[in-house]
Every structure is written in structure tokens, then in C-alpha cells.
Amino acid sequence: MGIAGAISTSWGYNLGKEALQGITSPDSRPDSDAADAPEAEKTPQPLVLIDEKTVLSQVKGQITGQFTPSTNPTPVAASPEPTEPKASSPVRSLPRSATSRNVTFSVTGVRSQGGTVLLDVELKNRGQRMVQFLYSFLEVTDELGRPLSAIVEDLPNELPPGNVSARGVISIPSILLDGVLAVDLQLTDYPEQSLELSLDSIPISQEATNP
């Protein structure tokens, strides 16, 4: 009986050993896979931004089946912002006229004489009453609104009714008009100051300011 039990124990041990052959415990080392990984998988790849138009083109191509994805997209340089064109000053030809209460104030020409720019002007009264002027009330400004010194010559202080006209000149020193492209004129009567005679953007040529 002892011999039979020993043989049975030995036979059972050998069966268990054969059954366990080829079975190994899992590798629990945390760095075993990372050590075998390629170096390229460890290095983070740079982020490449793709232009919106390129993305839309790729999506459209994939839908129609005519697009092959590119492996190396080319970054698109930012385009410069468009610049707005500068506004140019309006050019208005002469003569120019303004009328208020049947009184007309006109500039018929611009010329140079020595160191002075002369504006040829005309006043005409089509009304039924006498109109009086005090020419110190005349305002002359450049296109930026800066006041200019001017002298009125040959225009009368009183303008009778009946379609009567009078001609004269407004003289401005040329040195004050250096770089000026246009002048504005404003004239009213005296003492009522009921007339609003305004002439804007009277062109001043550089040939007139620099003879």
C-alpha cells in the first residue's frame, strides 16, 4: 500500500508540471514597453496650422473623390491688410456764384500779381432795395478752416437795386496760400446781416501762388 501511494503521488506531480509548462506570469515592469518604443513616438510633433481655404478645398475634394490628402501642408503667410484710398479734394471750375435774397456774389477768376493772389469777384443786386456792405465782414478761410487775411478792392459799399452789378478783386498774400488748394468765402450785408453769400472750395492753383 505504501509503494502504491508513492507511485500515485509521483504520477500526479508529473501531470501537474506538464500542464503548467509554457505558462508565464505577465510582465509588470512599467517601463518595459516604453523602453522598446521608437524614439519618434516619444517626441511631440509640431502643430501646423492650415489655411481655411485649404481645409474647404480638401473637404470638397474628398466629397467629390478628386482630392488626395497632402502629407506636408504648407503654412499660408498672412496677407497684408488693404489700405483705403485717400479722398481727393473736389475740383470745381470757375465762375462760381451764390445767391441770397436776389443778391448774387460770384468769383469769376483767380490770378497772380507780384506777391498777391487776386480773386476777381462780382456783386449783382436784382432786388428792389438798396444793399449795403461792410467788407470787414468778409470771411476768407482755407480748406482746413484756417482764417486768411484778405483785402477787398473796387467793390462799392452800397449796391442799388435794378439789376445793378459791380466788379472788384479780393487780394490775398501769396505766402499765406503756400500749399493751400482752395479757399472759402462768406459775405453778408450790413447792418441787417440778412444775406448768406457763401462760396466753398474756390480752387487756388499753385501756379498762382508761386508765379
N, C-alpha and C. Protein backbone atom coordinates (compact mmCIF):
# COMPACT_ATOMS: atom_id res chain seq x y z
N MET A 1 0.83 -1.20 0.00
CA MET A 1 0.00 0.00 0.00
C MET A 1 0.86 1.24 0.00
N GLY A 2 1.95 1.24 0.76
CA GLY A 2 2.84 2.41 0.77
C GLY A 2 3.48 2.65 -0.55
N ILE A 3 3.86 1.55 -1.21
CA ILE A 3 4.51 1.70 -2.52
C ILE A 3 3.52 2.24 -3.52
N ALA A 4 2.24 1.78 -3.47
CA ALA A 4 1.23 2.26 -4.43
C ALA A 4 0.94 3.73 -4.21
N GLY A 5 0.93 4.19 -2.94
CA GLY A 5 0.67 5.61 -2.69
C GLY A 5 1.79 6.50 -3.18
N ALA A 6 3.02 6.04 -3.06
CA ALA A 6 4.16 6.84 -3.53
C ALA A 6 4.13 6.99 -5.04
N ILE A 7 3.75 5.87 -5.71
CA ILE A 7 3.71 5.90 -7.18
C ILE A 7 2.61 6.87 -7.63
N SER A 8 1.46 6.85 -6.93
CA SER A 8 0.35 7.72 -7.30
C SER A 8 0.70 9.18 -7.10
N THR A 9 1.42 9.50 -6.03
CA THR A 9 1.81 10.89 -5.76
C THR A 9 2.78 11.40 -6.82
N SER A 10 3.74 10.57 -7.20
CA SER A 10 4.74 10.96 -8.20
C SER A 10 4.09 11.17 -9.56
N TRP A 11 3.13 10.32 -9.88
CA TRP A 11 2.45 10.43 -11.19
C TRP A 11 1.62 11.72 -11.26
N GLY A 12 0.95 12.07 -10.16
CA GLY A 12 0.15 13.30 -10.13
C GLY A 12 1.02 14.55 -10.21
N TYR A 13 2.17 14.58 -9.61
CA TYR A 13 3.09 15.73 -9.67
C TYR A 13 3.58 15.95 -11.08
N ASN A 14 3.91 14.84 -11.77
CA ASN A 14 4.41 14.98 -13.15
C ASN A 14 3.32 15.52 -14.07
N LEU A 15 2.05 15.07 -13.87
CA LEU A 15 0.96 15.60 -14.70
C LEU A 15 0.77 17.11 -14.49
N GLY A 16 0.84 17.56 -13.25
CA GLY A 16 0.68 18.99 -12.97
C GLY A 16 1.81 19.82 -13.53
N LYS A 17 3.02 19.31 -13.49
CA LYS A 17 4.18 20.03 -14.02
C LYS A 17 4.08 20.21 -15.52
N GLU A 18 3.62 19.10 -16.21
CA GLU A 18 3.49 19.20 -17.67
C GLU A 18 2.39 20.19 -18.05
N ALA A 19 1.33 20.26 -17.24
CA ALA A 19 0.24 21.17 -17.57
C ALA A 19 0.64 22.63 -17.41
N LEU A 20 1.57 22.91 -16.50
CA LEU A 20 1.99 24.28 -16.25
C LEU A 20 3.11 24.74 -17.17
N GLN A 21 3.66 23.85 -17.98
CA GLN A 21 4.73 24.27 -18.90
C GLN A 21 4.17 25.23 -19.95
N GLY A 22 4.91 26.28 -20.28
CA GLY A 22 4.51 27.29 -21.29
C GLY A 22 3.70 28.43 -20.73
N ILE A 23 3.32 28.33 -19.43
CA ILE A 23 2.55 29.41 -18.82
C ILE A 23 3.50 30.25 -18.00
N THR A 24 3.54 31.58 -18.34
CA THR A 24 4.43 32.50 -17.64
C THR A 24 3.60 33.62 -17.03
N SER A 25 4.14 34.25 -16.02
CA SER A 25 3.45 35.38 -15.39
C SER A 25 3.62 36.64 -16.24
N PRO A 26 2.61 37.54 -16.26
CA PRO A 26 2.72 38.77 -17.08
C PRO A 26 3.82 39.68 -16.57
N ASP A 27 4.42 40.41 -17.57
CA ASP A 27 5.50 41.33 -17.23
C ASP A 27 4.89 42.61 -16.66
N SER A 28 5.13 42.83 -15.37
CA SER A 28 4.55 44.01 -14.69
C SER A 28 5.50 45.17 -14.61
N ARG A 29 6.62 45.15 -15.34
CA ARG A 29 7.56 46.28 -15.30
C ARG A 29 6.97 47.45 -16.08
N PRO A 30 6.85 48.63 -15.43
CA PRO A 30 6.16 49.76 -16.10
C PRO A 30 6.91 50.33 -17.29
N ASP A 31 8.20 50.19 -17.36
CA ASP A 31 8.99 50.83 -18.43
C ASP A 31 9.40 49.85 -19.50
N SER A 32 8.88 48.63 -19.45
CA SER A 32 9.35 47.64 -20.43
C SER A 32 8.90 48.01 -21.83
N ASP A 33 7.60 48.45 -22.01
CA ASP A 33 7.13 48.82 -23.36
C ASP A 33 7.70 50.13 -23.81
N ALA A 34 7.83 51.12 -22.87
CA ALA A 34 8.37 52.43 -23.25
C ALA A 34 9.80 52.34 -23.69
N ALA A 35 10.56 51.42 -23.10
CA ALA A 35 11.97 51.29 -23.49
C ALA A 35 12.10 50.76 -24.90
N ASP A 36 11.11 49.87 -25.30
CA ASP A 36 11.20 49.30 -26.65
C ASP A 36 10.55 50.18 -27.69
N ALA A 37 9.82 51.25 -27.29
CA ALA A 37 9.13 52.12 -28.28
C ALA A 37 10.12 52.93 -29.08
N PRO A 38 9.83 53.21 -30.36
CA PRO A 38 10.75 54.04 -31.19
C PRO A 38 10.85 55.44 -30.65
N GLU A 39 11.98 56.07 -30.91
CA GLU A 39 12.24 57.42 -30.43
C GLU A 39 11.28 58.42 -31.04
N ALA A 40 10.79 58.18 -32.28
CA ALA A 40 9.88 59.12 -32.94
C ALA A 40 8.56 59.23 -32.23
N GLU A 41 8.12 58.08 -31.54
CA GLU A 41 6.85 58.14 -30.85
C GLU A 41 6.95 58.94 -29.57
N LYS A 42 8.15 59.12 -29.01
CA LYS A 42 8.32 59.88 -27.78
C LYS A 42 8.37 61.39 -28.02
N THR A 43 8.80 61.82 -29.21
CA THR A 43 8.98 63.25 -29.50
C THR A 43 7.67 63.86 -29.98
N PRO A 44 7.13 64.88 -29.32
CA PRO A 44 5.87 65.51 -29.80
C PRO A 44 6.07 66.20 -31.12
N GLN A 45 5.09 66.04 -32.01
CA GLN A 45 5.15 66.65 -33.34
C GLN A 45 4.69 68.10 -33.29
N PRO A 46 5.31 69.00 -34.07
CA PRO A 46 4.89 70.42 -34.07
C PRO A 46 3.50 70.58 -34.66
N LEU A 47 2.76 71.59 -34.14
CA LEU A 47 1.41 71.89 -34.61
C LEU A 47 1.49 72.77 -35.87
N VAL A 48 0.86 72.32 -36.95
CA VAL A 48 0.87 73.05 -38.22
C VAL A 48 -0.55 73.56 -38.49
N LEU A 49 -0.67 74.87 -38.65
CA LEU A 49 -1.96 75.48 -38.93
C LEU A 49 -2.21 75.50 -40.44
N ILE A 50 -3.39 75.13 -40.84
CA ILE A 50 -3.76 75.05 -42.25
C ILE A 50 -4.74 76.16 -42.55
N ASP A 51 -4.57 76.81 -43.68
CA ASP A 51 -5.45 77.91 -44.09
C ASP A 51 -6.87 77.40 -44.29
N GLU A 52 -7.84 78.26 -43.97
CA GLU A 52 -9.26 77.87 -44.05
C GLU A 52 -9.63 77.47 -45.48
N LYS A 53 -9.09 78.18 -46.47
CA LYS A 53 -9.40 77.85 -47.87
C LYS A 53 -8.89 76.45 -48.22
N THR A 54 -7.71 76.10 -47.69
CA THR A 54 -7.15 74.77 -47.96
C THR A 54 -8.04 73.70 -47.37
N VAL A 55 -8.54 73.93 -46.13
CA VAL A 55 -9.40 72.94 -45.49
C VAL A 55 -10.68 72.74 -46.30
N LEU A 56 -11.30 73.85 -46.73
CA LEU A 56 -12.52 73.75 -47.51
C LEU A 56 -12.28 73.02 -48.84
N SER A 57 -11.12 73.31 -49.45
CA SER A 57 -10.79 72.64 -50.70
C SER A 57 -10.61 71.15 -50.50
N GLN A 58 -9.96 70.76 -49.38
CA GLN A 58 -9.76 69.34 -49.10
C GLN A 58 -11.09 68.63 -48.86
N VAL A 59 -11.98 69.28 -48.08
CA VAL A 59 -13.28 68.66 -47.80
C VAL A 59 -14.09 68.49 -49.08
N LYS A 60 -14.08 69.52 -49.93
CA LYS A 60 -14.80 69.42 -51.20
C LYS A 60 -14.21 68.32 -52.07
N GLY A 61 -12.87 68.21 -52.08
CA GLY A 61 -12.23 67.17 -52.88
C GLY A 61 -12.55 65.78 -52.39
N GLN A 62 -12.62 65.60 -51.06
CA GLN A 62 -12.96 64.30 -50.52
C GLN A 62 -14.39 63.91 -50.86
N ILE A 63 -15.30 64.91 -50.87
CA ILE A 63 -16.69 64.62 -51.20
C ILE A 63 -16.82 64.18 -52.66
N THR A 64 -16.12 64.86 -53.55
CA THR A 64 -16.22 64.54 -54.98
C THR A 64 -15.29 63.42 -55.40
N GLY A 65 -14.39 63.00 -54.48
CA GLY A 65 -13.47 61.91 -54.81
C GLY A 65 -12.31 62.32 -55.67
N GLN A 66 -12.01 63.65 -55.71
CA GLN A 66 -10.93 64.14 -56.56
C GLN A 66 -9.77 64.70 -55.77
N PHE A 67 -9.72 64.45 -54.48
CA PHE A 67 -8.67 65.04 -53.64
C PHE A 67 -7.82 63.95 -53.02
N THR A 68 -6.52 64.13 -53.08
CA THR A 68 -5.56 63.25 -52.42
C THR A 68 -4.91 64.01 -51.30
N PRO A 69 -5.11 63.57 -50.02
CA PRO A 69 -4.56 64.33 -48.89
C PRO A 69 -3.06 64.52 -49.00
N SER A 70 -2.61 65.71 -48.65
CA SER A 70 -1.18 66.02 -48.66
C SER A 70 -0.58 65.72 -47.31
N THR A 71 0.58 65.12 -47.30
CA THR A 71 1.24 64.74 -46.04
C THR A 71 1.97 65.90 -45.41
N ASN A 72 2.33 66.92 -46.20
CA ASN A 72 3.08 68.06 -45.68
C ASN A 72 2.38 69.36 -46.10
N PRO A 73 1.35 69.78 -45.37
CA PRO A 73 0.69 71.04 -45.73
C PRO A 73 1.61 72.22 -45.56
N THR A 74 1.51 73.15 -46.51
CA THR A 74 2.38 74.34 -46.48
C THR A 74 1.68 75.46 -45.76
N PRO A 75 2.28 76.02 -44.70
CA PRO A 75 1.66 77.14 -43.99
C PRO A 75 1.45 78.31 -44.92
N VAL A 76 0.33 78.99 -44.77
CA VAL A 76 -0.01 80.13 -45.61
C VAL A 76 0.34 81.41 -44.88
N ALA A 77 1.12 82.28 -45.55
CA ALA A 77 1.51 83.55 -44.94
C ALA A 77 0.32 84.50 -44.92
N ALA A 78 0.23 85.29 -43.87
CA ALA A 78 -0.87 86.25 -43.72
C ALA A 78 -0.73 87.34 -44.77
N SER A 79 -1.83 87.65 -45.47
CA SER A 79 -1.81 88.69 -46.49
C SER A 79 -1.92 90.06 -45.84
N PRO A 80 -1.24 91.08 -46.39
CA PRO A 80 -1.30 92.41 -45.79
C PRO A 80 -2.70 92.99 -45.89
N GLU A 81 -3.06 93.83 -44.90
CA GLU A 81 -4.37 94.45 -44.89
C GLU A 81 -4.46 95.50 -46.00
N PRO A 82 -5.59 95.52 -46.71
CA PRO A 82 -5.72 96.52 -47.78
C PRO A 82 -5.80 97.92 -47.21
N THR A 83 -5.23 98.86 -47.92
CA THR A 83 -5.24 100.26 -47.49
C THR A 83 -6.32 101.01 -48.23
N GLU A 84 -6.99 101.85 -47.48
CA GLU A 84 -8.04 102.64 -48.09
C GLU A 84 -7.47 103.79 -48.90
N PRO A 85 -8.04 104.01 -50.10
CA PRO A 85 -7.54 105.14 -50.90
C PRO A 85 -7.87 106.46 -50.24
N LYS A 86 -6.95 107.40 -50.38
CA LYS A 86 -7.17 108.72 -49.80
C LYS A 86 -8.19 109.50 -50.61
N ALA A 87 -9.04 110.21 -49.89
CA ALA A 87 -10.07 111.02 -50.56
C ALA A 87 -9.42 112.25 -51.18
N SER A 88 -9.80 112.54 -52.42
CA SER A 88 -9.24 113.69 -53.13
C SER A 88 -10.20 114.86 -53.01
N SER A 89 -9.64 116.08 -53.01
CA SER A 89 -10.46 117.28 -52.90
C SER A 89 -11.20 117.50 -54.21
N PRO A 90 -12.48 117.88 -54.13
CA PRO A 90 -13.24 118.11 -55.36
C PRO A 90 -12.71 119.31 -56.12
N VAL A 91 -12.65 119.19 -57.44
CA VAL A 91 -12.20 120.29 -58.29
C VAL A 91 -13.42 120.92 -58.94
N ARG A 92 -13.62 122.19 -58.68
CA ARG A 92 -14.77 122.90 -59.22
C ARG A 92 -14.27 124.05 -60.10
N SER A 93 -14.85 124.15 -61.27
CA SER A 93 -14.41 125.16 -62.22
C SER A 93 -15.05 126.51 -61.89
N LEU A 94 -14.47 127.55 -62.42
CA LEU A 94 -14.99 128.92 -62.29
C LEU A 94 -15.70 129.30 -63.59
N PRO A 95 -16.65 130.24 -63.53
CA PRO A 95 -17.05 131.03 -62.36
C PRO A 95 -17.94 130.23 -61.40
N ARG A 96 -17.99 130.73 -60.16
CA ARG A 96 -18.84 130.16 -59.11
C ARG A 96 -19.68 131.27 -58.53
N SER A 97 -20.94 130.96 -58.21
CA SER A 97 -21.86 132.01 -57.74
C SER A 97 -22.69 131.49 -56.57
N ALA A 98 -23.11 132.45 -55.71
CA ALA A 98 -24.04 132.18 -54.62
C ALA A 98 -25.05 133.31 -54.59
N THR A 99 -26.34 132.95 -54.38
CA THR A 99 -27.41 133.95 -54.40
C THR A 99 -28.22 133.88 -53.11
N SER A 100 -28.52 135.05 -52.54
CA SER A 100 -29.35 135.14 -51.35
C SER A 100 -30.18 136.42 -51.44
N ARG A 101 -31.51 136.28 -51.35
CA ARG A 101 -32.42 137.43 -51.39
C ARG A 101 -32.17 138.31 -52.62
N ASN A 102 -32.05 137.70 -53.78
CA ASN A 102 -31.89 138.38 -55.07
C ASN A 102 -30.54 139.10 -55.22
N VAL A 103 -29.60 138.81 -54.33
CA VAL A 103 -28.25 139.36 -54.46
C VAL A 103 -27.30 138.20 -54.77
N THR A 104 -26.49 138.38 -55.81
CA THR A 104 -25.59 137.32 -56.26
C THR A 104 -24.14 137.75 -56.06
N PHE A 105 -23.36 136.82 -55.49
CA PHE A 105 -21.93 137.03 -55.25
C PHE A 105 -21.19 135.97 -56.06
N SER A 106 -20.27 136.42 -56.94
CA SER A 106 -19.60 135.50 -57.86
C SER A 106 -18.09 135.68 -57.81
N VAL A 107 -17.37 134.56 -58.05
CA VAL A 107 -15.92 134.58 -58.30
C VAL A 107 -15.74 134.14 -59.75
N THR A 108 -15.17 135.00 -60.57
CA THR A 108 -15.05 134.73 -62.00
C THR A 108 -13.67 134.25 -62.42
N GLY A 109 -12.64 134.47 -61.58
CA GLY A 109 -11.30 134.04 -61.94
C GLY A 109 -10.32 134.20 -60.80
N VAL A 110 -9.16 133.52 -60.95
CA VAL A 110 -8.07 133.60 -59.98
C VAL A 110 -6.79 133.86 -60.76
N ARG A 111 -6.01 134.84 -60.32
CA ARG A 111 -4.76 135.18 -60.99
C ARG A 111 -3.73 135.67 -59.97
N SER A 112 -2.52 135.81 -60.45
CA SER A 112 -1.42 136.25 -59.58
C SER A 112 -0.88 137.59 -60.07
N GLN A 113 -0.52 138.41 -59.10
CA GLN A 113 0.10 139.70 -59.42
C GLN A 113 1.14 140.00 -58.35
N GLY A 114 2.42 139.89 -58.76
CA GLY A 114 3.51 140.07 -57.80
C GLY A 114 3.44 139.02 -56.72
N GLY A 115 3.39 139.46 -55.46
CA GLY A 115 3.31 138.52 -54.34
C GLY A 115 1.90 138.37 -53.81
N THR A 116 0.90 138.59 -54.67
CA THR A 116 -0.50 138.56 -54.25
C THR A 116 -1.32 137.70 -55.20
N VAL A 117 -2.27 136.94 -54.64
CA VAL A 117 -3.24 136.20 -55.44
C VAL A 117 -4.53 137.01 -55.47
N LEU A 118 -5.05 137.26 -56.66
CA LEU A 118 -6.25 138.08 -56.84
C LEU A 118 -7.43 137.21 -57.26
N LEU A 119 -8.52 137.35 -56.54
CA LEU A 119 -9.78 136.71 -56.92
C LEU A 119 -10.68 137.76 -57.54
N ASP A 120 -11.02 137.60 -58.81
CA ASP A 120 -11.94 138.51 -59.49
C ASP A 120 -13.37 138.18 -59.05
N VAL A 121 -14.05 139.18 -58.47
CA VAL A 121 -15.39 138.94 -57.93
C VAL A 121 -16.39 139.93 -58.52
N GLU A 122 -17.69 139.58 -58.36
CA GLU A 122 -18.77 140.43 -58.87
C GLU A 122 -19.96 140.35 -57.92
N LEU A 123 -20.58 141.48 -57.69
CA LEU A 123 -21.82 141.57 -56.93
C LEU A 123 -22.92 142.09 -57.83
N LYS A 124 -24.11 141.48 -57.75
CA LYS A 124 -25.24 141.92 -58.56
C LYS A 124 -26.51 141.93 -57.70
N ASN A 125 -27.24 143.06 -57.77
CA ASN A 125 -28.45 143.23 -56.99
C ASN A 125 -29.67 143.22 -57.91
N ARG A 126 -30.47 142.14 -57.85
CA ARG A 126 -31.70 142.04 -58.65
C ARG A 126 -32.94 142.38 -57.81
N GLY A 127 -32.72 142.78 -56.57
CA GLY A 127 -33.84 143.09 -55.70
C GLY A 127 -34.40 144.48 -55.92
N GLN A 128 -35.28 144.88 -54.98
CA GLN A 128 -35.96 146.17 -55.07
C GLN A 128 -35.51 147.13 -53.99
N ARG A 129 -34.42 146.83 -53.32
CA ARG A 129 -33.95 147.72 -52.26
C ARG A 129 -32.44 147.86 -52.31
N MET A 130 -31.98 148.93 -51.73
CA MET A 130 -30.53 149.16 -51.65
C MET A 130 -29.91 148.15 -50.68
N VAL A 131 -28.74 147.66 -51.05
CA VAL A 131 -28.00 146.73 -50.19
C VAL A 131 -26.67 147.37 -49.84
N GLN A 132 -26.36 147.37 -48.56
CA GLN A 132 -25.10 147.93 -48.08
C GLN A 132 -24.16 146.81 -47.59
N PHE A 133 -22.84 147.06 -47.78
CA PHE A 133 -21.84 146.06 -47.38
C PHE A 133 -20.76 146.74 -46.54
N LEU A 134 -20.26 145.98 -45.59
CA LEU A 134 -19.06 146.35 -44.83
C LEU A 134 -18.10 145.19 -44.98
N TYR A 135 -17.06 145.39 -45.81
CA TYR A 135 -16.25 144.26 -46.26
C TYR A 135 -15.31 143.71 -45.19
N SER A 136 -15.29 144.37 -44.05
CA SER A 136 -14.57 143.75 -42.94
C SER A 136 -15.33 142.54 -42.43
N PHE A 137 -16.58 142.37 -42.85
CA PHE A 137 -17.37 141.20 -42.50
C PHE A 137 -17.07 140.01 -43.42
N LEU A 138 -16.29 140.24 -44.48
CA LEU A 138 -15.94 139.15 -45.38
C LEU A 138 -15.03 138.15 -44.65
N GLU A 139 -15.39 136.86 -44.70
CA GLU A 139 -14.59 135.81 -44.09
C GLU A 139 -13.94 134.98 -45.21
N VAL A 140 -12.62 134.83 -45.13
CA VAL A 140 -11.86 134.03 -46.09
C VAL A 140 -11.11 132.97 -45.30
N THR A 141 -11.31 131.70 -45.62
CA THR A 141 -10.64 130.57 -44.94
C THR A 141 -10.12 129.60 -45.97
N ASP A 142 -9.11 128.81 -45.57
CA ASP A 142 -8.62 127.76 -46.46
C ASP A 142 -9.45 126.50 -46.27
N GLU A 143 -9.05 125.40 -46.97
CA GLU A 143 -9.86 124.18 -46.94
C GLU A 143 -9.86 123.51 -45.57
N LEU A 144 -8.95 123.90 -44.68
CA LEU A 144 -8.92 123.37 -43.32
C LEU A 144 -9.63 124.28 -42.32
N GLY A 145 -10.24 125.37 -42.81
CA GLY A 145 -10.97 126.26 -41.94
C GLY A 145 -10.11 127.32 -41.26
N ARG A 146 -8.85 127.46 -41.67
CA ARG A 146 -7.98 128.47 -41.08
C ARG A 146 -8.23 129.83 -41.73
N PRO A 147 -8.40 130.89 -40.93
CA PRO A 147 -8.69 132.21 -41.49
C PRO A 147 -7.49 132.78 -42.25
N LEU A 148 -7.78 133.52 -43.31
CA LEU A 148 -6.76 134.15 -44.13
C LEU A 148 -7.03 135.66 -44.20
N SER A 149 -5.96 136.44 -44.19
CA SER A 149 -6.09 137.89 -44.33
C SER A 149 -6.35 138.24 -45.79
N ALA A 150 -7.33 139.09 -46.02
CA ALA A 150 -7.70 139.47 -47.39
C ALA A 150 -8.14 140.92 -47.41
N ILE A 151 -7.98 141.56 -48.58
CA ILE A 151 -8.37 142.95 -48.79
C ILE A 151 -9.31 143.00 -49.98
N VAL A 152 -10.45 143.69 -49.82
CA VAL A 152 -11.41 143.87 -50.91
C VAL A 152 -11.15 145.22 -51.58
N GLU A 153 -11.05 145.22 -52.91
CA GLU A 153 -10.79 146.44 -53.66
C GLU A 153 -11.85 146.61 -54.75
N ASP A 154 -12.23 147.88 -54.96
CA ASP A 154 -13.08 148.31 -56.07
C ASP A 154 -14.56 147.93 -55.92
N LEU A 155 -14.96 147.23 -54.88
CA LEU A 155 -16.38 146.96 -54.70
C LEU A 155 -17.02 148.09 -53.90
N PRO A 156 -18.21 148.56 -54.29
CA PRO A 156 -18.85 149.68 -53.58
C PRO A 156 -19.47 149.22 -52.25
N ASN A 157 -19.62 150.15 -51.34
CA ASN A 157 -20.27 149.86 -50.07
C ASN A 157 -21.79 149.81 -50.19
N GLU A 158 -22.33 150.41 -51.25
CA GLU A 158 -23.77 150.40 -51.49
C GLU A 158 -24.04 149.89 -52.89
N LEU A 159 -25.00 148.99 -52.98
CA LEU A 159 -25.36 148.41 -54.29
C LEU A 159 -26.84 148.68 -54.54
N PRO A 160 -27.15 149.59 -55.48
CA PRO A 160 -28.55 149.97 -55.71
C PRO A 160 -29.33 148.84 -56.39
N PRO A 161 -30.66 148.90 -56.31
CA PRO A 161 -31.49 147.88 -56.95
C PRO A 161 -31.55 148.08 -58.46
N GLY A 162 -32.24 147.14 -59.12
CA GLY A 162 -32.44 147.28 -60.56
C GLY A 162 -31.42 146.52 -61.38
N ASN A 163 -31.03 145.36 -60.94
CA ASN A 163 -30.10 144.51 -61.69
C ASN A 163 -28.77 145.22 -61.93
N VAL A 164 -28.33 145.93 -60.90
CA VAL A 164 -27.05 146.64 -60.97
C VAL A 164 -25.94 145.71 -60.48
N SER A 165 -24.81 145.71 -61.20
CA SER A 165 -23.68 144.86 -60.83
C SER A 165 -22.44 145.71 -60.62
N ALA A 166 -21.50 145.17 -59.84
CA ALA A 166 -20.22 145.85 -59.60
C ALA A 166 -19.13 144.79 -59.54
N ARG A 167 -17.97 145.13 -60.06
CA ARG A 167 -16.84 144.19 -60.09
C ARG A 167 -15.69 144.71 -59.23
N GLY A 168 -14.93 143.79 -58.68
CA GLY A 168 -13.79 144.14 -57.86
C GLY A 168 -12.88 142.93 -57.69
N VAL A 169 -11.94 143.03 -56.76
CA VAL A 169 -11.00 141.94 -56.52
C VAL A 169 -10.85 141.73 -55.01
N ILE A 170 -10.51 140.49 -54.66
CA ILE A 170 -10.11 140.14 -53.30
C ILE A 170 -8.66 139.71 -53.38
N SER A 171 -7.79 140.43 -52.69
CA SER A 171 -6.36 140.13 -52.75
C SER A 171 -5.92 139.42 -51.47
N ILE A 172 -5.12 138.35 -51.68
CA ILE A 172 -4.60 137.54 -50.57
C ILE A 172 -3.10 137.39 -50.77
N PRO A 173 -2.28 137.65 -49.76
CA PRO A 173 -0.83 137.46 -49.92
C PRO A 173 -0.50 136.01 -50.30
N SER A 174 0.37 135.86 -51.28
CA SER A 174 0.71 134.51 -51.77
C SER A 174 1.34 133.65 -50.69
N ILE A 175 2.09 134.27 -49.77
CA ILE A 175 2.76 133.50 -48.73
C ILE A 175 1.77 132.78 -47.84
N LEU A 176 0.54 133.33 -47.71
CA LEU A 176 -0.49 132.68 -46.88
C LEU A 176 -1.13 131.50 -47.59
N LEU A 177 -0.93 131.38 -48.90
CA LEU A 177 -1.57 130.34 -49.69
C LEU A 177 -0.62 129.23 -50.08
N ASP A 178 0.55 129.18 -49.45
CA ASP A 178 1.52 128.13 -49.77
C ASP A 178 0.95 126.77 -49.34
N GLY A 179 0.73 125.88 -50.29
CA GLY A 179 0.16 124.56 -50.01
C GLY A 179 -1.35 124.54 -49.93
N VAL A 180 -2.00 125.70 -50.06
CA VAL A 180 -3.46 125.76 -50.00
C VAL A 180 -4.04 125.41 -51.37
N LEU A 181 -5.04 124.52 -51.39
CA LEU A 181 -5.66 124.10 -52.64
C LEU A 181 -6.94 124.85 -52.96
N ALA A 182 -7.64 125.35 -51.92
CA ALA A 182 -8.91 126.02 -52.16
C ALA A 182 -9.21 126.95 -50.99
N VAL A 183 -10.06 127.95 -51.25
CA VAL A 183 -10.48 128.88 -50.20
C VAL A 183 -12.00 128.94 -50.19
N ASP A 184 -12.56 129.32 -49.03
CA ASP A 184 -13.99 129.52 -48.87
C ASP A 184 -14.25 130.99 -48.56
N LEU A 185 -15.34 131.53 -49.12
CA LEU A 185 -15.71 132.93 -48.91
C LEU A 185 -17.12 133.00 -48.31
N GLN A 186 -17.27 133.90 -47.35
CA GLN A 186 -18.58 134.16 -46.76
C GLN A 186 -18.77 135.68 -46.62
N LEU A 187 -19.89 136.18 -47.18
CA LEU A 187 -20.16 137.61 -47.17
C LEU A 187 -21.62 137.85 -46.79
N THR A 188 -21.87 138.90 -46.01
CA THR A 188 -23.22 139.31 -45.66
C THR A 188 -23.34 140.82 -45.78
N ASP A 189 -24.58 141.30 -45.71
CA ASP A 189 -24.79 142.74 -45.81
C ASP A 189 -24.66 143.38 -44.43
N TYR A 190 -24.71 144.71 -44.44
CA TYR A 190 -24.56 145.46 -43.18
C TYR A 190 -25.54 146.65 -43.20
N PRO A 191 -26.25 146.92 -42.13
CA PRO A 191 -26.13 146.29 -40.81
C PRO A 191 -27.09 145.13 -40.58
N GLU A 192 -28.05 144.88 -41.54
CA GLU A 192 -29.07 143.85 -41.31
C GLU A 192 -28.48 142.44 -41.16
N GLN A 193 -27.44 142.16 -41.93
CA GLN A 193 -26.83 140.83 -41.96
C GLN A 193 -27.87 139.75 -42.29
N SER A 194 -28.69 140.05 -43.29
CA SER A 194 -29.74 139.12 -43.71
C SER A 194 -29.32 138.24 -44.88
N LEU A 195 -28.21 138.57 -45.52
CA LEU A 195 -27.74 137.81 -46.67
C LEU A 195 -26.76 136.71 -46.23
N GLU A 196 -26.86 135.56 -46.88
CA GLU A 196 -25.92 134.45 -46.65
C GLU A 196 -25.29 134.08 -47.98
N LEU A 197 -24.21 134.76 -48.29
CA LEU A 197 -23.50 134.55 -49.55
C LEU A 197 -22.23 133.74 -49.26
N SER A 198 -22.28 132.44 -49.56
CA SER A 198 -21.17 131.54 -49.25
C SER A 198 -20.68 130.86 -50.52
N LEU A 199 -19.40 130.90 -50.74
CA LEU A 199 -18.75 130.21 -51.85
C LEU A 199 -17.68 129.30 -51.29
N ASP A 200 -17.83 127.98 -51.52
CA ASP A 200 -16.91 126.99 -50.96
C ASP A 200 -16.01 126.41 -52.05
N SER A 201 -14.81 126.04 -51.63
CA SER A 201 -13.86 125.31 -52.48
C SER A 201 -13.54 126.05 -53.76
N ILE A 202 -13.21 127.34 -53.64
CA ILE A 202 -12.71 128.09 -54.80
C ILE A 202 -11.28 127.64 -55.05
N PRO A 203 -10.98 127.04 -56.19
CA PRO A 203 -9.64 126.45 -56.42
C PRO A 203 -8.56 127.52 -56.52
N ILE A 204 -7.44 127.26 -55.84
CA ILE A 204 -6.27 128.12 -55.89
C ILE A 204 -5.14 127.30 -56.50
N SER A 205 -4.75 127.64 -57.70
CA SER A 205 -3.68 126.89 -58.36
C SER A 205 -2.34 127.26 -57.77
N GLN A 206 -1.40 126.27 -57.73
CA GLN A 206 -0.07 126.52 -57.23
C GLN A 206 0.73 127.43 -58.15
N GLU A 207 0.32 127.47 -59.44
CA GLU A 207 0.97 128.42 -60.34
C GLU A 207 0.66 129.85 -59.94
N ALA A 208 -0.55 130.08 -59.38
CA ALA A 208 -0.91 131.42 -58.95
C ALA A 208 -0.18 131.81 -57.67
N THR A 209 0.03 130.83 -56.77
CA THR A 209 0.71 131.14 -55.52
C THR A 209 2.22 131.21 -55.67
N ASN A 210 2.76 130.57 -56.73
CA ASN A 210 4.21 130.60 -56.97
C ASN A 210 4.48 131.02 -58.41
N PRO A 211 4.31 132.26 -58.74
CA PRO A 211 4.47 132.72 -60.13
C PRO A 211 5.92 132.64 -60.57
